[in-house]
Every structure is written in structure tokens, then in C-alpha cells.
N, C-alpha and C. Protein backbone atom coordinates (compact mmCIF):
# COMPACT_ATOMS: atom_id res chain seq x y z
N MET A 1 -9.03 9.56 -18.04
CA MET A 1 -8.08 9.36 -16.95
C MET A 1 -8.79 8.75 -15.76
N PRO A 2 -8.17 7.71 -15.11
CA PRO A 2 -8.75 7.11 -13.92
C PRO A 2 -8.87 8.14 -12.80
N SER A 3 -9.77 7.82 -11.87
CA SER A 3 -9.92 8.66 -10.62
C SER A 3 -10.32 7.72 -9.49
N TYR A 4 -10.08 8.19 -8.28
CA TYR A 4 -10.42 7.43 -7.12
C TYR A 4 -11.93 7.49 -6.81
N SER A 5 -12.50 6.42 -6.35
CA SER A 5 -13.85 6.41 -5.82
C SER A 5 -13.85 7.19 -4.51
N LEU A 6 -15.02 7.48 -4.01
CA LEU A 6 -15.09 8.17 -2.71
C LEU A 6 -14.46 7.37 -1.61
N ARG A 7 -14.69 6.04 -1.62
CA ARG A 7 -14.06 5.19 -0.58
C ARG A 7 -12.58 5.21 -0.68
N SER A 8 -12.04 5.04 -1.91
CA SER A 8 -10.55 5.08 -2.07
C SER A 8 -9.98 6.45 -1.61
N ARG A 9 -10.69 7.50 -2.02
CA ARG A 9 -10.22 8.84 -1.62
C ARG A 9 -10.17 8.98 -0.10
N ARG A 10 -11.22 8.53 0.59
CA ARG A 10 -11.29 8.59 2.06
C ARG A 10 -10.17 7.75 2.66
N ASN A 11 -9.94 6.59 2.16
CA ASN A 11 -8.85 5.72 2.67
C ASN A 11 -7.48 6.38 2.46
N LEU A 12 -7.29 6.92 1.28
CA LEU A 12 -6.00 7.58 1.00
C LEU A 12 -5.79 8.81 1.85
N ASP A 13 -6.86 9.58 2.08
CA ASP A 13 -6.74 10.79 2.87
C ASP A 13 -6.36 10.55 4.32
N SER A 14 -6.45 9.28 4.78
CA SER A 14 -6.03 9.00 6.14
C SER A 14 -4.51 8.70 6.25
N ALA A 15 -3.82 8.79 5.11
CA ALA A 15 -2.40 8.44 5.04
C ALA A 15 -1.52 9.73 5.13
N ASP A 16 -0.24 9.43 5.35
CA ASP A 16 0.81 10.45 5.39
C ASP A 16 0.68 11.31 4.09
N PRO A 17 0.85 12.61 4.20
CA PRO A 17 0.77 13.45 2.99
C PRO A 17 1.70 13.07 1.87
N ARG A 18 2.85 12.46 2.23
CA ARG A 18 3.79 12.03 1.18
C ARG A 18 3.24 10.87 0.38
N LEU A 19 2.52 9.98 1.04
CA LEU A 19 1.87 8.85 0.34
C LEU A 19 0.73 9.40 -0.51
N ILE A 20 -0.02 10.35 0.03
CA ILE A 20 -1.11 10.95 -0.73
C ILE A 20 -0.56 11.55 -2.03
N ASP A 21 0.56 12.28 -1.92
CA ASP A 21 1.17 12.89 -3.08
C ASP A 21 1.60 11.84 -4.12
N VAL A 22 2.20 10.74 -3.70
CA VAL A 22 2.62 9.68 -4.63
C VAL A 22 1.39 9.07 -5.31
N PHE A 23 0.40 8.70 -4.53
CA PHE A 23 -0.75 8.02 -5.14
C PHE A 23 -1.67 8.95 -5.92
N ASP A 24 -1.61 10.23 -5.62
CA ASP A 24 -2.32 11.20 -6.48
C ASP A 24 -1.70 11.25 -7.88
N GLU A 25 -0.37 11.05 -7.93
CA GLU A 25 0.30 10.95 -9.23
C GLU A 25 0.04 9.61 -9.90
N VAL A 26 0.09 8.54 -9.10
CA VAL A 26 -0.13 7.20 -9.67
C VAL A 26 -1.47 7.09 -10.36
N ILE A 27 -2.55 7.60 -9.76
CA ILE A 27 -3.89 7.44 -10.31
C ILE A 27 -4.02 8.15 -11.65
N LYS A 28 -3.17 9.08 -11.95
CA LYS A 28 -3.21 9.79 -13.27
C LYS A 28 -2.80 8.84 -14.39
N HIS A 29 -2.09 7.75 -14.06
CA HIS A 29 -1.51 6.90 -15.05
C HIS A 29 -1.93 5.42 -14.91
N PHE A 30 -2.46 5.07 -13.72
CA PHE A 30 -2.69 3.65 -13.42
C PHE A 30 -3.98 3.54 -12.60
N ASP A 31 -4.98 2.84 -13.13
CA ASP A 31 -6.26 2.71 -12.44
C ASP A 31 -6.04 1.76 -11.24
N CYS A 32 -6.38 2.24 -10.06
CA CYS A 32 -6.19 1.41 -8.87
C CYS A 32 -7.17 1.85 -7.79
N SER A 33 -7.32 0.99 -6.77
CA SER A 33 -8.20 1.26 -5.63
C SER A 33 -7.39 1.26 -4.34
N VAL A 34 -7.71 2.21 -3.45
CA VAL A 34 -7.07 2.24 -2.16
C VAL A 34 -7.98 1.49 -1.19
N ILE A 35 -7.52 0.32 -0.79
CA ILE A 35 -8.32 -0.58 0.01
C ILE A 35 -8.32 -0.17 1.49
N CYS A 36 -7.14 0.33 1.95
CA CYS A 36 -7.01 0.62 3.35
C CYS A 36 -5.91 1.69 3.53
N GLY A 37 -6.12 2.58 4.47
CA GLY A 37 -5.15 3.56 4.94
C GLY A 37 -4.92 3.28 6.41
N HIS A 38 -5.36 4.22 7.23
CA HIS A 38 -5.25 4.06 8.71
C HIS A 38 -6.14 2.96 9.20
N ARG A 39 -5.63 2.18 10.16
CA ARG A 39 -6.42 1.15 10.86
C ARG A 39 -6.42 1.46 12.31
N ASP A 40 -7.61 1.46 12.92
CA ASP A 40 -7.70 1.60 14.34
C ASP A 40 -7.43 0.26 14.99
N MET A 41 -7.51 0.21 16.31
CA MET A 41 -7.21 -1.05 17.03
C MET A 41 -8.11 -2.20 16.63
N VAL A 42 -9.38 -2.00 16.50
CA VAL A 42 -10.33 -3.07 16.13
C VAL A 42 -10.01 -3.57 14.70
N GLN A 43 -9.76 -2.67 13.78
CA GLN A 43 -9.46 -3.06 12.41
C GLN A 43 -8.14 -3.80 12.33
N GLN A 44 -7.12 -3.34 13.08
CA GLN A 44 -5.83 -4.01 13.05
C GLN A 44 -5.90 -5.42 13.63
N GLU A 45 -6.60 -5.56 14.75
CA GLU A 45 -6.73 -6.87 15.33
C GLU A 45 -7.50 -7.83 14.42
N ALA A 46 -8.52 -7.29 13.74
CA ALA A 46 -9.24 -8.13 12.77
C ALA A 46 -8.36 -8.55 11.62
N ALA A 47 -7.52 -7.63 11.09
CA ALA A 47 -6.58 -7.97 10.04
C ALA A 47 -5.60 -9.01 10.52
N TYR A 48 -5.12 -8.92 11.72
CA TYR A 48 -4.16 -9.87 12.29
C TYR A 48 -4.84 -11.24 12.45
N HIS A 49 -6.01 -11.30 13.04
CA HIS A 49 -6.68 -12.61 13.29
C HIS A 49 -7.17 -13.25 12.04
N SER A 50 -7.38 -12.50 10.95
CA SER A 50 -7.80 -13.09 9.69
C SER A 50 -6.63 -13.52 8.83
N GLY A 51 -5.42 -13.23 9.29
CA GLY A 51 -4.19 -13.59 8.57
C GLY A 51 -3.76 -12.58 7.54
N ASN A 52 -4.46 -11.42 7.48
CA ASN A 52 -4.10 -10.38 6.50
C ASN A 52 -3.00 -9.49 7.00
N SER A 53 -2.58 -9.64 8.24
CA SER A 53 -1.47 -8.83 8.81
C SER A 53 -0.69 -9.80 9.71
N LYS A 54 0.60 -9.57 9.82
CA LYS A 54 1.44 -10.38 10.69
C LYS A 54 1.72 -9.67 12.03
N VAL A 55 1.21 -8.48 12.24
CA VAL A 55 1.45 -7.74 13.45
C VAL A 55 0.15 -7.31 14.13
N THR A 56 0.20 -7.18 15.42
CA THR A 56 -0.95 -6.74 16.23
C THR A 56 -0.86 -5.21 16.47
N TRP A 57 -1.95 -4.67 16.94
CA TRP A 57 -2.01 -3.26 17.29
C TRP A 57 -0.97 -2.98 18.42
N PRO A 58 -0.24 -1.94 18.37
CA PRO A 58 -0.18 -0.81 17.45
C PRO A 58 1.07 -0.88 16.57
N ASN A 59 1.46 -2.09 16.15
CA ASN A 59 2.75 -2.32 15.51
C ASN A 59 2.77 -2.21 14.00
N SER A 60 1.65 -1.96 13.38
CA SER A 60 1.57 -1.84 11.95
C SER A 60 1.78 -0.38 11.53
N MET A 61 2.38 -0.20 10.37
CA MET A 61 2.53 1.16 9.81
C MET A 61 1.15 1.75 9.49
N HIS A 62 0.11 0.93 9.41
CA HIS A 62 -1.24 1.40 9.24
C HIS A 62 -1.80 2.04 10.49
N ASN A 63 -1.19 1.76 11.64
CA ASN A 63 -1.75 2.21 12.94
C ASN A 63 -1.32 3.64 13.34
N ARG A 64 -0.40 4.21 12.58
CA ARG A 64 0.01 5.59 12.87
C ARG A 64 -1.08 6.53 12.35
N SER A 65 -1.08 7.74 12.84
CA SER A 65 -2.01 8.71 12.36
C SER A 65 -1.27 10.02 12.13
N PRO A 66 -1.09 10.34 10.88
CA PRO A 66 -1.61 9.70 9.65
C PRO A 66 -0.87 8.37 9.39
N SER A 67 -1.50 7.51 8.68
CA SER A 67 -0.98 6.20 8.34
C SER A 67 0.29 6.27 7.51
N ARG A 68 1.30 5.47 7.87
CA ARG A 68 2.51 5.41 7.11
C ARG A 68 2.45 4.30 6.07
N ALA A 69 1.25 3.70 5.92
CA ALA A 69 1.06 2.58 4.96
C ALA A 69 -0.31 2.66 4.35
N VAL A 70 -0.42 2.19 3.12
CA VAL A 70 -1.69 2.02 2.44
C VAL A 70 -1.68 0.69 1.75
N ASP A 71 -2.88 0.16 1.53
CA ASP A 71 -3.08 -1.04 0.69
C ASP A 71 -3.78 -0.58 -0.57
N VAL A 72 -3.12 -0.81 -1.70
CA VAL A 72 -3.64 -0.36 -3.01
C VAL A 72 -3.56 -1.51 -4.00
N LEU A 73 -4.60 -1.74 -4.75
CA LEU A 73 -4.60 -2.79 -5.77
C LEU A 73 -4.99 -2.23 -7.11
N PRO A 74 -4.48 -2.89 -8.19
CA PRO A 74 -4.92 -2.47 -9.53
C PRO A 74 -6.41 -2.69 -9.66
N TYR A 75 -7.09 -1.86 -10.44
CA TYR A 75 -8.51 -1.99 -10.65
C TYR A 75 -8.73 -2.59 -12.04
N PRO A 76 -9.64 -3.52 -12.21
CA PRO A 76 -10.50 -4.11 -11.23
C PRO A 76 -9.72 -5.00 -10.22
N ILE A 77 -10.21 -5.10 -9.02
CA ILE A 77 -9.51 -5.81 -7.95
C ILE A 77 -9.56 -7.29 -8.20
N ASP A 78 -8.34 -7.92 -8.16
CA ASP A 78 -8.20 -9.35 -8.27
C ASP A 78 -7.07 -9.72 -7.34
N TRP A 79 -7.37 -10.26 -6.20
CA TRP A 79 -6.35 -10.58 -5.16
C TRP A 79 -5.36 -11.61 -5.62
N ASN A 80 -5.63 -12.30 -6.71
CA ASN A 80 -4.77 -13.33 -7.24
C ASN A 80 -3.85 -12.84 -8.38
N ASP A 81 -4.02 -11.56 -8.75
CA ASP A 81 -3.29 -11.03 -9.89
C ASP A 81 -1.91 -10.48 -9.43
N ARG A 82 -0.98 -11.40 -9.16
CA ARG A 82 0.36 -11.01 -8.68
C ARG A 82 1.09 -10.22 -9.77
N GLU A 83 0.89 -10.58 -11.04
CA GLU A 83 1.56 -9.84 -12.09
C GLU A 83 1.10 -8.37 -12.11
N GLY A 84 -0.19 -8.18 -12.02
CA GLY A 84 -0.71 -6.78 -11.97
C GLY A 84 -0.23 -6.05 -10.75
N MET A 85 -0.15 -6.70 -9.62
CA MET A 85 0.35 -6.06 -8.43
C MET A 85 1.82 -5.67 -8.55
N ALA A 86 2.61 -6.57 -9.15
CA ALA A 86 4.01 -6.24 -9.38
C ALA A 86 4.19 -5.08 -10.36
N HIS A 87 3.38 -5.04 -11.40
CA HIS A 87 3.43 -3.95 -12.36
C HIS A 87 3.11 -2.63 -11.65
N LEU A 88 2.04 -2.61 -10.84
CA LEU A 88 1.68 -1.40 -10.09
C LEU A 88 2.81 -1.04 -9.12
N ALA A 89 3.38 -2.01 -8.47
CA ALA A 89 4.45 -1.78 -7.48
C ALA A 89 5.60 -1.06 -8.13
N GLY A 90 6.03 -1.51 -9.31
CA GLY A 90 7.14 -0.88 -9.98
C GLY A 90 6.84 0.58 -10.24
N PHE A 91 5.62 0.87 -10.68
CA PHE A 91 5.21 2.24 -10.94
C PHE A 91 5.20 3.07 -9.70
N VAL A 92 4.63 2.51 -8.60
CA VAL A 92 4.55 3.24 -7.31
C VAL A 92 5.93 3.52 -6.80
N ILE A 93 6.79 2.51 -6.79
CA ILE A 93 8.14 2.69 -6.25
C ILE A 93 8.90 3.76 -7.08
N ALA A 94 8.79 3.71 -8.37
CA ALA A 94 9.48 4.71 -9.24
C ALA A 94 8.88 6.10 -8.98
N THR A 95 7.58 6.19 -8.83
CA THR A 95 6.96 7.50 -8.58
C THR A 95 7.43 8.03 -7.24
N GLY A 96 7.53 7.18 -6.22
CA GLY A 96 8.03 7.59 -4.94
C GLY A 96 9.47 8.09 -5.03
N LYS A 97 10.29 7.34 -5.77
CA LYS A 97 11.70 7.78 -5.92
C LYS A 97 11.81 9.13 -6.61
N SER A 98 10.94 9.36 -7.60
CA SER A 98 10.98 10.64 -8.30
C SER A 98 10.59 11.79 -7.36
N LYS A 99 9.95 11.47 -6.24
CA LYS A 99 9.59 12.51 -5.25
C LYS A 99 10.47 12.42 -4.01
N GLY A 100 11.56 11.67 -4.11
CA GLY A 100 12.52 11.56 -3.00
C GLY A 100 12.06 10.71 -1.86
N LEU A 101 11.15 9.77 -2.13
CA LEU A 101 10.59 8.94 -1.09
C LEU A 101 10.88 7.44 -1.32
N ASN A 102 11.34 6.76 -0.32
CA ASN A 102 11.57 5.31 -0.40
C ASN A 102 10.33 4.59 0.04
N ILE A 103 9.70 3.82 -0.84
CA ILE A 103 8.49 3.07 -0.52
C ILE A 103 8.79 1.57 -0.58
N LYS A 104 8.41 0.89 0.50
CA LYS A 104 8.56 -0.58 0.55
C LYS A 104 7.25 -1.23 0.13
N TRP A 105 7.36 -2.22 -0.73
CA TRP A 105 6.20 -2.97 -1.20
C TRP A 105 6.10 -4.29 -0.45
N GLY A 106 4.88 -4.67 -0.12
CA GLY A 106 4.65 -5.94 0.58
C GLY A 106 4.87 -7.19 -0.24
N GLY A 107 5.21 -7.06 -1.47
CA GLY A 107 5.58 -8.19 -2.28
C GLY A 107 7.11 -8.42 -2.32
N ASP A 108 7.81 -7.48 -1.70
CA ASP A 108 9.31 -7.48 -1.70
C ASP A 108 9.78 -6.80 -0.41
N TRP A 109 9.53 -7.50 0.72
CA TRP A 109 9.88 -6.89 2.02
C TRP A 109 11.37 -6.52 2.14
N ALA A 110 12.22 -7.36 1.53
CA ALA A 110 13.68 -7.11 1.62
C ALA A 110 14.14 -6.00 0.67
N GLN A 111 13.28 -5.57 -0.18
CA GLN A 111 13.58 -4.55 -1.22
C GLN A 111 14.80 -4.96 -2.05
N ASP A 112 14.79 -6.24 -2.44
CA ASP A 112 15.85 -6.77 -3.28
C ASP A 112 15.36 -7.16 -4.70
N ARG A 113 14.16 -6.72 -5.06
CA ARG A 113 13.54 -6.98 -6.32
C ARG A 113 13.23 -8.44 -6.55
N LYS A 114 13.00 -9.18 -5.46
CA LYS A 114 12.65 -10.60 -5.59
C LYS A 114 11.41 -10.83 -4.72
N SER A 115 10.30 -11.14 -5.39
CA SER A 115 9.08 -11.46 -4.57
C SER A 115 9.01 -12.90 -4.21
N SER A 116 9.86 -13.71 -4.76
CA SER A 116 9.85 -15.15 -4.50
C SER A 116 10.46 -15.51 -3.16
N ASP A 117 11.19 -14.57 -2.52
CA ASP A 117 11.85 -14.90 -1.28
C ASP A 117 11.10 -14.38 -0.03
N THR A 118 9.88 -13.98 -0.22
CA THR A 118 9.07 -13.50 0.91
C THR A 118 8.24 -14.61 1.46
N ASN A 119 8.07 -14.68 2.79
CA ASN A 119 7.22 -15.70 3.37
C ASN A 119 5.81 -15.19 3.63
N PHE A 120 5.60 -13.89 3.36
CA PHE A 120 4.27 -13.29 3.52
C PHE A 120 4.04 -12.30 2.39
N PHE A 121 3.43 -12.77 1.30
CA PHE A 121 3.20 -11.89 0.15
C PHE A 121 1.96 -11.05 0.45
N ASP A 122 2.22 -9.72 0.49
CA ASP A 122 1.14 -8.75 0.73
C ASP A 122 1.20 -7.73 -0.43
N GLY A 123 0.77 -8.19 -1.57
CA GLY A 123 0.96 -7.45 -2.80
C GLY A 123 0.28 -6.09 -2.91
N GLY A 124 -0.64 -5.78 -2.03
CA GLY A 124 -1.26 -4.49 -2.07
C GLY A 124 -0.69 -3.46 -1.10
N HIS A 125 0.27 -3.91 -0.29
CA HIS A 125 0.84 -3.06 0.81
C HIS A 125 1.99 -2.20 0.36
N TYR A 126 1.91 -0.91 0.71
CA TYR A 126 2.99 0.04 0.48
C TYR A 126 3.22 0.86 1.72
N GLU A 127 4.47 1.00 2.11
CA GLU A 127 4.77 1.80 3.30
C GLU A 127 6.00 2.68 3.12
N ILE A 128 6.01 3.79 3.81
CA ILE A 128 7.14 4.70 3.78
C ILE A 128 8.30 4.12 4.57
N VAL A 129 9.49 4.19 3.98
CA VAL A 129 10.69 3.83 4.68
C VAL A 129 11.55 5.07 4.80
N ASP A 130 11.76 5.50 6.02
CA ASP A 130 12.62 6.64 6.22
C ASP A 130 14.07 6.18 6.36
N ALA A 131 14.96 6.88 5.68
CA ALA A 131 16.38 6.51 5.72
C ALA A 131 17.01 6.80 7.06
């Protein structure tokens, strides 16, 4: 059974307990790495200026404490593996729903099951959506 590395565990532990619960279930079935949880101001501004985020501090769901967003990729990490990201996203979203949680994926910002209509594909991004 897959398990998180120490870095992934530390990143995940900076997230909202509901996300931790979802991804603790996901790792039992799907090998993945938690790239990012909470981002402080310096990290968020670096993500923005590098083009990895469209928002500045403190407007990202990563900037809350605990973080309302995590970046998670299938392992081994391949930033070009959109198919693998979509496969993981379906599993994450379904796992969230089974726990009563609505999770938005950065490959489908509109949550309409179409990744082709997004102008900013962020295939590793998952965030809590409160109704």
C-alpha cells in the first residue's frame, strides 16, 4: 500500500482537517505526493510571479491556516501527465463526496466535468468548496 513521504505528510498536515481526512483515504488506493499545503506570503508571491498561481497573497485558498487547498500529483510526479491528474481528480472528488465534502479541482474550475474550457489548468490543485 502506498504511503506519504515525510515531506508530503508535512505538507498535508498544514491543511484543513477535512482535506487531511480525504487524502488519508486517497493514499490507501492511489500513490500520490502532496506538493503544497499552506503557503505563507513569500511562498504565495513566488507562486504568483512564477505563473503557478493567478492570485496574490492573501487571496489563495492555500493562504488560510489551516490551508483550504492542497496541490497533489500522482506519483511518480510528471507535470505533463494530464491523464493521470484527471484520473486522480476523479478519485479525490468521489472520495470527498463520500465524506460529504465538495472539492474543486484545478483542472475543472467550473466543476462542469470539462477540463478543456479552463484558461488556467492547475491539475494538482484541490480546494474545499463550502456550499
